[in-house]
């Protein structure tokens, strides 16, 4: 991340804002701050930012609501920082459009790594019909998946799942998001179908399905497809 970013930090804790400001400016990034949801939302909607770092426990409005309103207007990357560590909270934030979720306390090294992944996902050509990682190659136009010289036969549902993951490479996609995009709904039956199809897909594309390197599980939340050379 040699090129500096313009980052908006929305957090009511002065110590967190100061820590992030000092740490990010030392990496050549410009930092704007907001101490509540209203101020943060105004800045997010009226200025251009490369990244938003958002706390959920804001004094005036829940951070998830702020996230949804940001998503209604633009697709700026949003990383959530929160003390809330329940799977339910992570899923809610990711379903609302967060690009990543990091619980407090956190290390700056980990945050910088998460930022790199989010930004790499943005520059990864998701509209390019070819996805390649290792010896796995997915051609979205021709619906052909190969591993080395071998073509891998996928069912239509397996390909639809893989297509969604490719189009969101590097981003955690929740069970609900995947099910809605593939089946148009989410219920207990869809959840079971999702697990079965992901398991079948892994058996076909992973070198070792028991230790997946392409389709990574985010426990209790969803799945993430590895970005090439991640």
C-alpha atoms as a PDB file:
ATOM      1  CA  UNK A   1       0.000   0.000   0.000  1.00  0.00           C
ATOM      2  CA  UNK A   2       2.574   2.545  -1.103  1.00  0.00           C
ATOM      3  CA  UNK A   3      -0.057   4.943  -2.396  1.00  0.00           C
ATOM      4  CA  UNK A   4      -1.802   6.772   0.414  1.00  0.00           C
ATOM      5  CA  UNK A   5      -5.507   6.250   1.010  1.00  0.00           C
ATOM      6  CA  UNK A   6      -8.147   8.642   2.251  1.00  0.00           C
ATOM      7  CA  UNK A   7      -9.675   6.878   5.245  1.00  0.00           C
ATOM      8  CA  UNK A   8     -12.753   7.791   7.302  1.00  0.00           C
ATOM      9  CA  UNK A   9     -12.755   6.496  10.887  1.00  0.00           C
ATOM     10  CA  UNK A  10     -16.185   6.459  12.571  1.00  0.00           C
ATOM     11  CA  UNK A  11     -15.709   5.607  16.246  1.00  0.00           C
ATOM     12  CA  UNK A  12     -16.810   7.254  19.486  1.00  0.00           C
ATOM     13  CA  UNK A  13     -13.676   6.238  21.420  1.00  0.00           C
ATOM     14  CA  UNK A  14     -11.022   8.990  21.240  1.00  0.00           C
ATOM     15  CA  UNK A  15      -8.266   6.512  22.071  1.00  0.00           C
ATOM     16  CA  UNK A  16      -9.201   4.257  19.143  1.00  0.00           C
ATOM     17  CA  UNK A  17      -9.436   7.196  16.764  1.00  0.00           C
ATOM     18  CA  UNK A  18      -6.052   8.492  17.909  1.00  0.00           C
ATOM     19  CA  UNK A  19      -4.447   5.049  17.589  1.00  0.00           C
ATOM     20  CA  UNK A  20      -5.833   4.607  14.081  1.00  0.00           C
ATOM     21  CA  UNK A  21      -4.876   8.154  13.045  1.00  0.00           C
ATOM     22  CA  UNK A  22      -1.275   7.770  14.200  1.00  0.00           C
ATOM     23  CA  UNK A  23      -0.920   4.253  12.780  1.00  0.00           C
ATOM     24  CA  UNK A  24      -2.515   4.993   9.412  1.00  0.00           C
ATOM     25  CA  UNK A  25      -0.790   8.339   8.864  1.00  0.00           C
ATOM     26  CA  UNK A  26       2.524   6.588   9.521  1.00  0.00           C
ATOM     27  CA  UNK A  27       1.607   4.441   6.488  1.00  0.00           C
ATOM     28  CA  UNK A  28       1.103   7.582   4.375  1.00  0.00           C
ATOM     29  CA  UNK A  29      -2.701   7.532   4.602  1.00  0.00           C
ATOM     30  CA  UNK A  30      -4.877  10.605   5.207  1.00  0.00           C
ATOM     31  CA  UNK A  31      -7.390  10.149   8.027  1.00  0.00           C
ATOM     32  CA  UNK A  32     -10.715  11.916   8.678  1.00  0.00           C
ATOM     33  CA  UNK A  33     -12.562  11.242  11.929  1.00  0.00           C
ATOM     34  CA  UNK A  34     -16.162  11.190  13.132  1.00  0.00           C
ATOM     35  CA  UNK A  35     -17.193  10.554  16.714  1.00  0.00           C
ATOM     36  CA  UNK A  36     -20.792   9.504  16.048  1.00  0.00           C
ATOM     37  CA  UNK A  37     -22.965   7.968  13.369  1.00  0.00           C
ATOM     38  CA  UNK A  38     -24.597  11.160  12.123  1.00  0.00           C
ATOM     39  CA  UNK A  39     -21.287  12.944  11.548  1.00  0.00           C
ATOM     40  CA  UNK A  40     -19.747   9.842  10.011  1.00  0.00           C
ATOM     41  CA  UNK A  41     -22.660   9.290   7.654  1.00  0.00           C
ATOM     42  CA  UNK A  42     -22.599  12.932   6.520  1.00  0.00           C
ATOM     43  CA  UNK A  43     -18.891  12.731   5.721  1.00  0.00           C
ATOM     44  CA  UNK A  44     -19.212   9.347   4.024  1.00  0.00           C
ATOM     45  CA  UNK A  45     -21.970  10.618   1.743  1.00  0.00           C
ATOM     46  CA  UNK A  46     -20.515  14.064   0.973  1.00  0.00           C
ATOM     47  CA  UNK A  47     -16.816  13.295   0.557  1.00  0.00           C
ATOM     48  CA  UNK A  48     -14.871  10.717  -1.406  1.00  0.00           C
ATOM     49  CA  UNK A  49     -13.040   8.100   0.665  1.00  0.00           C
ATOM     50  CA  UNK A  50     -11.027   5.047  -0.295  1.00  0.00           C
ATOM     51  CA  UNK A  51     -11.975   3.228   2.913  1.00  0.00           C
ATOM     52  CA  UNK A  52     -14.300   3.551   5.904  1.00  0.00           C
ATOM     53  CA  UNK A  53     -13.446   2.006   9.278  1.00  0.00           C
ATOM     54  CA  UNK A  54     -16.681   1.761  11.260  1.00  0.00           C
ATOM     55  CA  UNK A  55     -17.499   0.958  14.869  1.00  0.00           C
ATOM     56  CA  UNK A  56     -20.914  -0.585  15.527  1.00  0.00           C
ATOM     57  CA  UNK A  57     -21.444   0.719  19.064  1.00  0.00           C
ATOM     58  CA  UNK A  58     -21.972   4.394  18.281  1.00  0.00           C
ATOM     59  CA  UNK A  59     -23.692   6.723  20.787  1.00  0.00           C
ATOM     60  CA  UNK A  60     -26.459   8.030  18.517  1.00  0.00           C
ATOM     61  CA  UNK A  61     -27.252   5.281  16.024  1.00  0.00           C
ATOM     62  CA  UNK A  62     -26.282   1.657  15.570  1.00  0.00           C
ATOM     63  CA  UNK A  63     -23.357   1.219  13.214  1.00  0.00           C
ATOM     64  CA  UNK A  64     -25.248  -1.331  11.114  1.00  0.00           C
ATOM     65  CA  UNK A  65     -27.782   1.369  10.246  1.00  0.00           C
ATOM     66  CA  UNK A  66     -24.951   3.684   9.244  1.00  0.00           C
ATOM     67  CA  UNK A  67     -23.523   0.903   7.085  1.00  0.00           C
ATOM     68  CA  UNK A  68     -26.842   0.286   5.334  1.00  0.00           C
ATOM     69  CA  UNK A  69     -27.253   3.988   4.551  1.00  0.00           C
ATOM     70  CA  UNK A  70     -23.722   4.161   3.157  1.00  0.00           C
ATOM     71  CA  UNK A  71     -24.432   1.111   1.005  1.00  0.00           C
ATOM     72  CA  UNK A  72     -27.608   2.728  -0.328  1.00  0.00           C
ATOM     73  CA  UNK A  73     -25.449   5.449  -1.879  1.00  0.00           C
ATOM     74  CA  UNK A  74     -22.029   3.999  -2.729  1.00  0.00           C
ATOM     75  CA  UNK A  75     -19.757   0.982  -2.590  1.00  0.00           C
ATOM     76  CA  UNK A  76     -16.817   2.425  -0.656  1.00  0.00           C
ATOM     77  CA  UNK A  77     -15.017  -0.424   1.173  1.00  0.00           C
ATOM     78  CA  UNK A  78     -16.092  -0.675   4.822  1.00  0.00           C
ATOM     79  CA  UNK A  79     -14.216  -2.561   7.520  1.00  0.00           C
ATOM     80  CA  UNK A  80     -16.105  -2.960  10.784  1.00  0.00           C
ATOM     81  CA  UNK A  81     -14.196  -2.724  14.065  1.00  0.00           C
ATOM     82  CA  UNK A  82     -16.300  -3.765  17.039  1.00  0.00           C
ATOM     83  CA  UNK A  83     -16.220  -5.325  20.480  1.00  0.00           C
ATOM     84  CA  UNK A  84     -19.217  -7.398  19.386  1.00  0.00           C
ATOM     85  CA  UNK A  85     -17.820 -10.840  18.660  1.00  0.00           C
ATOM     86  CA  UNK A  86     -20.967 -12.949  18.324  1.00  0.00           C
ATOM     87  CA  UNK A  87     -21.507 -14.702  15.001  1.00  0.00           C
ATOM     88  CA  UNK A  88     -24.930 -13.044  14.813  1.00  0.00           C
ATOM     89  CA  UNK A  89     -23.367  -9.569  14.887  1.00  0.00           C
ATOM     90  CA  UNK A  90     -20.751 -10.462  12.268  1.00  0.00           C
ATOM     91  CA  UNK A  91     -23.378 -11.939   9.964  1.00  0.00           C
ATOM     92  CA  UNK A  92     -25.633  -8.901  10.359  1.00  0.00           C
ATOM     93  CA  UNK A  93     -22.805  -6.504   9.480  1.00  0.00           C
ATOM     94  CA  UNK A  94     -21.623  -8.583   6.522  1.00  0.00           C
ATOM     95  CA  UNK A  95     -25.187  -8.998   5.240  1.00  0.00           C
ATOM     96  CA  UNK A  96     -25.563  -5.211   5.492  1.00  0.00           C
ATOM     97  CA  UNK A  97     -22.568  -4.768   3.184  1.00  0.00           C
ATOM     98  CA  UNK A  98     -19.395  -4.742   5.291  1.00  0.00           C
ATOM     99  CA  UNK A  99     -16.312  -5.912   3.408  1.00  0.00           C
ATOM    100  CA  UNK A 100     -14.666  -7.299   6.529  1.00  0.00           C
ATOM    101  CA  UNK A 101     -15.183  -7.518  10.300  1.00  0.00           C
ATOM    102  CA  UNK A 102     -12.492  -7.253  12.948  1.00  0.00           C
ATOM    103  CA  UNK A 103     -13.155  -7.525  16.672  1.00  0.00           C
ATOM    104  CA  UNK A 104     -11.583  -5.292  19.328  1.00  0.00           C
ATOM    105  CA  UNK A 105      -8.955  -5.482  20.683  1.00  0.00           C
ATOM    106  CA  UNK A 106      -7.034  -5.810  17.439  1.00  0.00           C
ATOM    107  CA  UNK A 107      -3.466  -5.487  16.249  1.00  0.00           C
ATOM    108  CA  UNK A 108      -2.495  -2.879  13.682  1.00  0.00           C
ATOM    109  CA  UNK A 109      -0.659  -5.497  11.654  1.00  0.00           C
ATOM    110  CA  UNK A 110      -3.847  -7.514  11.287  1.00  0.00           C
ATOM    111  CA  UNK A 111      -5.886  -4.445  10.343  1.00  0.00           C
ATOM    112  CA  UNK A 112      -3.354  -3.450   7.673  1.00  0.00           C
ATOM    113  CA  UNK A 113      -3.479  -6.989   6.288  1.00  0.00           C
ATOM    114  CA  UNK A 114      -7.289  -6.845   6.140  1.00  0.00           C
ATOM    115  CA  UNK A 115      -7.068  -3.487   4.344  1.00  0.00           C
ATOM    116  CA  UNK A 116      -4.689  -4.960   1.776  1.00  0.00           C
ATOM    117  CA  UNK A 117      -7.061  -7.845   1.068  1.00  0.00           C
ATOM    118  CA  UNK A 118     -10.078  -5.532   0.717  1.00  0.00           C
ATOM    119  CA  UNK A 119      -8.237  -3.222  -1.669  1.00  0.00           C
ATOM    120  CA  UNK A 120      -6.809  -6.109  -3.660  1.00  0.00           C
ATOM    121  CA  UNK A 121     -10.329  -7.437  -4.111  1.00  0.00           C
ATOM    122  CA  UNK A 122     -11.321  -4.065  -5.563  1.00  0.00           C
ATOM    123  CA  UNK A 123      -8.539  -4.045  -8.138  1.00  0.00           C
ATOM    124  CA  UNK A 124      -9.044  -7.727  -8.970  1.00  0.00           C
ATOM    125  CA  UNK A 125     -10.913  -7.664 -12.308  1.00  0.00           C
ATOM    126  CA  UNK A 126     -14.198  -9.266 -11.199  1.00  0.00           C
ATOM    127  CA  UNK A 127     -15.729  -8.360 -14.559  1.00  0.00           C
ATOM    128  CA  UNK A 128     -12.960 -10.316 -16.279  1.00  0.00           C
ATOM    129  CA  UNK A 129     -14.355 -13.694 -17.361  1.00  0.00           C
ATOM    130  CA  UNK A 130     -11.173 -15.486 -16.255  1.00  0.00           C
ATOM    131  CA  UNK A 131     -10.283 -16.269 -12.639  1.00  0.00           C
ATOM    132  CA  UNK A 132      -6.983 -18.045 -12.013  1.00  0.00           C
ATOM    133  CA  UNK A 133      -5.380 -19.098  -8.727  1.00  0.00           C
ATOM    134  CA  UNK A 134      -2.737 -21.796  -8.541  1.00  0.00           C
ATOM    135  CA  UNK A 135      -3.636 -24.286 -11.238  1.00  0.00           C
ATOM    136  CA  UNK A 136      -7.372 -23.543 -10.911  1.00  0.00           C
ATOM    137  CA  UNK A 137      -8.920 -21.595 -13.774  1.00  0.00           C
ATOM    138  CA  UNK A 138     -12.546 -20.463 -14.039  1.00  0.00           C
ATOM    139  CA  UNK A 139     -13.906 -19.027 -17.292  1.00  0.00           C
ATOM    140  CA  UNK A 140     -17.181 -17.309 -16.427  1.00  0.00           C
ATOM    141  CA  UNK A 141     -18.147 -16.748 -20.064  1.00  0.00           C
ATOM    142  CA  UNK A 142     -17.713 -20.296 -21.299  1.00  0.00           C
ATOM    143  CA  UNK A 143     -18.656 -21.906 -17.946  1.00  0.00           C
ATOM    144  CA  UNK A 144     -15.480 -23.965 -18.119  1.00  0.00           C
ATOM    145  CA  UNK A 145     -13.480 -24.816 -14.988  1.00  0.00           C
ATOM    146  CA  UNK A 146     -10.071 -26.428 -15.350  1.00  0.00           C
ATOM    147  CA  UNK A 147      -7.308 -27.601 -13.052  1.00  0.00           C
ATOM    148  CA  UNK A 148      -4.083 -27.801 -14.982  1.00  0.00           C
ATOM    149  CA  UNK A 149      -5.020 -29.537 -18.236  1.00  0.00           C
ATOM    150  CA  UNK A 150      -8.060 -31.269 -16.750  1.00  0.00           C
ATOM    151  CA  UNK A 151     -11.577 -29.906 -17.204  1.00  0.00           C
ATOM    152  CA  UNK A 152     -13.706 -30.181 -14.085  1.00  0.00           C
ATOM    153  CA  UNK A 153     -17.397 -30.972 -14.649  1.00  0.00           C
ATOM    154  CA  UNK A 154     -19.665 -28.921 -12.380  1.00  0.00           C
ATOM    155  CA  UNK A 155     -23.413 -29.004 -11.954  1.00  0.00           C
ATOM    156  CA  UNK A 156     -25.264 -25.747 -12.779  1.00  0.00           C
ATOM    157  CA  UNK A 157     -25.725 -25.049  -9.059  1.00  0.00           C
ATOM    158  CA  UNK A 158     -22.066 -25.682  -8.279  1.00  0.00           C
ATOM    159  CA  UNK A 159     -21.037 -23.325 -11.063  1.00  0.00           C
ATOM    160  CA  UNK A 160     -23.484 -20.658  -9.866  1.00  0.00           C
ATOM    161  CA  UNK A 161     -21.979 -20.862  -6.372  1.00  0.00           C
ATOM    162  CA  UNK A 162     -18.451 -20.657  -7.734  1.00  0.00           C
ATOM    163  CA  UNK A 163     -19.414 -17.713  -9.963  1.00  0.00           C
ATOM    164  CA  UNK A 164     -20.729 -15.720  -6.977  1.00  0.00           C
ATOM    165  CA  UNK A 165     -17.541 -16.462  -5.041  1.00  0.00           C
ATOM    166  CA  UNK A 166     -15.351 -15.472  -8.001  1.00  0.00           C
ATOM    167  CA  UNK A 167     -17.249 -12.209  -8.470  1.00  0.00           C
ATOM    168  CA  UNK A 168     -16.633 -11.428  -4.793  1.00  0.00           C
ATOM    169  CA  UNK A 169     -13.137 -12.911  -4.491  1.00  0.00           C
ATOM    170  CA  UNK A 170     -11.499 -12.034  -1.185  1.00  0.00           C
ATOM    171  CA  UNK A 171     -14.766 -10.986   0.457  1.00  0.00           C
ATOM    172  CA  UNK A 172     -16.646 -12.983   3.055  1.00  0.00           C
ATOM    173  CA  UNK A 173     -20.015 -13.978   1.613  1.00  0.00           C
ATOM    174  CA  UNK A 174     -22.518 -15.027   4.268  1.00  0.00           C
ATOM    175  CA  UNK A 175     -24.667 -18.134   4.019  1.00  0.00           C
ATOM    176  CA  UNK A 176     -27.721 -15.926   3.527  1.00  0.00           C
ATOM    177  CA  UNK A 177     -26.096 -13.891   0.738  1.00  0.00           C
ATOM    178  CA  UNK A 178     -24.972 -16.998  -1.134  1.00  0.00           C
ATOM    179  CA  UNK A 179     -28.340 -18.682  -0.817  1.00  0.00           C
ATOM    180  CA  UNK A 180     -30.229 -15.582  -1.921  1.00  0.00           C
ATOM    181  CA  UNK A 181     -27.990 -15.122  -4.963  1.00  0.00           C
ATOM    182  CA  UNK A 182     -28.186 -18.762  -6.046  1.00  0.00           C
ATOM    183  CA  UNK A 183     -31.674 -19.861  -4.955  1.00  0.00           C
ATOM    184  CA  UNK A 184     -33.395 -16.542  -4.289  1.00  0.00           C
ATOM    185  CA  UNK A 185     -34.211 -17.456  -0.702  1.00  0.00           C
ATOM    186  CA  UNK A 186     -32.714 -18.526   2.601  1.00  0.00           C
ATOM    187  CA  UNK A 187     -34.186 -21.075   4.978  1.00  0.00           C
ATOM    188  CA  UNK A 188     -33.098 -24.218   6.765  1.00  0.00           C
ATOM    189  CA  UNK A 189     -33.422 -26.296   3.596  1.00  0.00           C
ATOM    190  CA  UNK A 190     -31.375 -23.791   1.579  1.00  0.00           C
ATOM    191  CA  UNK A 191     -28.719 -23.839   4.299  1.00  0.00           C
ATOM    192  CA  UNK A 192     -28.445 -27.618   4.045  1.00  0.00           C
ATOM    193  CA  UNK A 193     -28.277 -27.462   0.232  1.00  0.00           C
ATOM    194  CA  UNK A 194     -25.574 -24.824   0.466  1.00  0.00           C
ATOM    195  CA  UNK A 195     -23.385 -26.970   2.734  1.00  0.00           C
ATOM    196  CA  UNK A 196     -23.829 -30.019   0.492  1.00  0.00           C
ATOM    197  CA  UNK A 197     -23.016 -28.102  -2.694  1.00  0.00           C
ATOM    198  CA  UNK A 198     -19.978 -26.369  -1.173  1.00  0.00           C
ATOM    199  CA  UNK A 199     -18.734 -29.762   0.016  1.00  0.00           C
ATOM    200  CA  UNK A 200     -19.234 -31.231  -3.481  1.00  0.00           C
ATOM    201  CA  UNK A 201     -17.544 -28.213  -5.076  1.00  0.00           C
ATOM    202  CA  UNK A 202     -14.543 -28.558  -2.797  1.00  0.00           C
ATOM    203  CA  UNK A 203     -14.190 -32.236  -3.651  1.00  0.00           C
ATOM    204  CA  UNK A 204     -13.906 -31.253  -7.299  1.00  0.00           C
ATOM    205  CA  UNK A 205     -11.580 -28.223  -7.142  1.00  0.00           C
ATOM    206  CA  UNK A 206      -9.568 -28.461  -3.930  1.00  0.00           C
ATOM    207  CA  UNK A 207      -6.237 -30.348  -3.882  1.00  0.00           C
ATOM    208  CA  UNK A 208      -7.228 -31.595  -0.416  1.00  0.00           C
ATOM    209  CA  UNK A 209     -10.951 -31.010   0.340  1.00  0.00           C
ATOM    210  CA  UNK A 210     -10.329 -31.499   4.060  1.00  0.00           C
ATOM    211  CA  UNK A 211      -7.903 -28.546   3.971  1.00  0.00           C
ATOM    212  CA  UNK A 212      -9.398 -26.148   1.435  1.00  0.00           C
ATOM    213  CA  UNK A 213      -7.129 -23.474  -0.014  1.00  0.00           C
ATOM    214  CA  UNK A 214      -9.559 -21.875  -2.482  1.00  0.00           C
ATOM    215  CA  UNK A 215     -12.948 -21.823  -0.740  1.00  0.00           C
ATOM    216  CA  UNK A 216     -12.174 -20.820   2.847  1.00  0.00           C
ATOM    217  CA  UNK A 217     -14.754 -21.229   5.623  1.00  0.00           C
ATOM    218  CA  UNK A 218     -15.444 -18.284   7.918  1.00  0.00           C
ATOM    219  CA  UNK A 219     -16.834 -20.257  10.845  1.00  0.00           C
ATOM    220  CA  UNK A 220     -20.502 -19.637  11.497  1.00  0.00           C
ATOM    221  CA  UNK A 221     -20.576 -16.805   8.963  1.00  0.00           C
ATOM    222  CA  UNK A 222     -19.995 -17.955   5.393  1.00  0.00           C
ATOM    223  CA  UNK A 223     -17.276 -18.512   2.806  1.00  0.00           C
ATOM    224  CA  UNK A 224     -14.498 -16.562   1.111  1.00  0.00           C
ATOM    225  CA  UNK A 225     -12.737 -17.331  -2.155  1.00  0.00           C
ATOM    226  CA  UNK A 226      -8.985 -16.849  -2.131  1.00  0.00           C
ATOM    227  CA  UNK A 227      -7.722 -13.930  -4.192  1.00  0.00           C
ATOM    228  CA  UNK A 228      -5.021 -14.948  -6.684  1.00  0.00           C
ATOM    229  CA  UNK A 229      -1.576 -14.688  -5.034  1.00  0.00           C
ATOM    230  CA  UNK A 230      -3.259 -13.673  -1.735  1.00  0.00           C
END
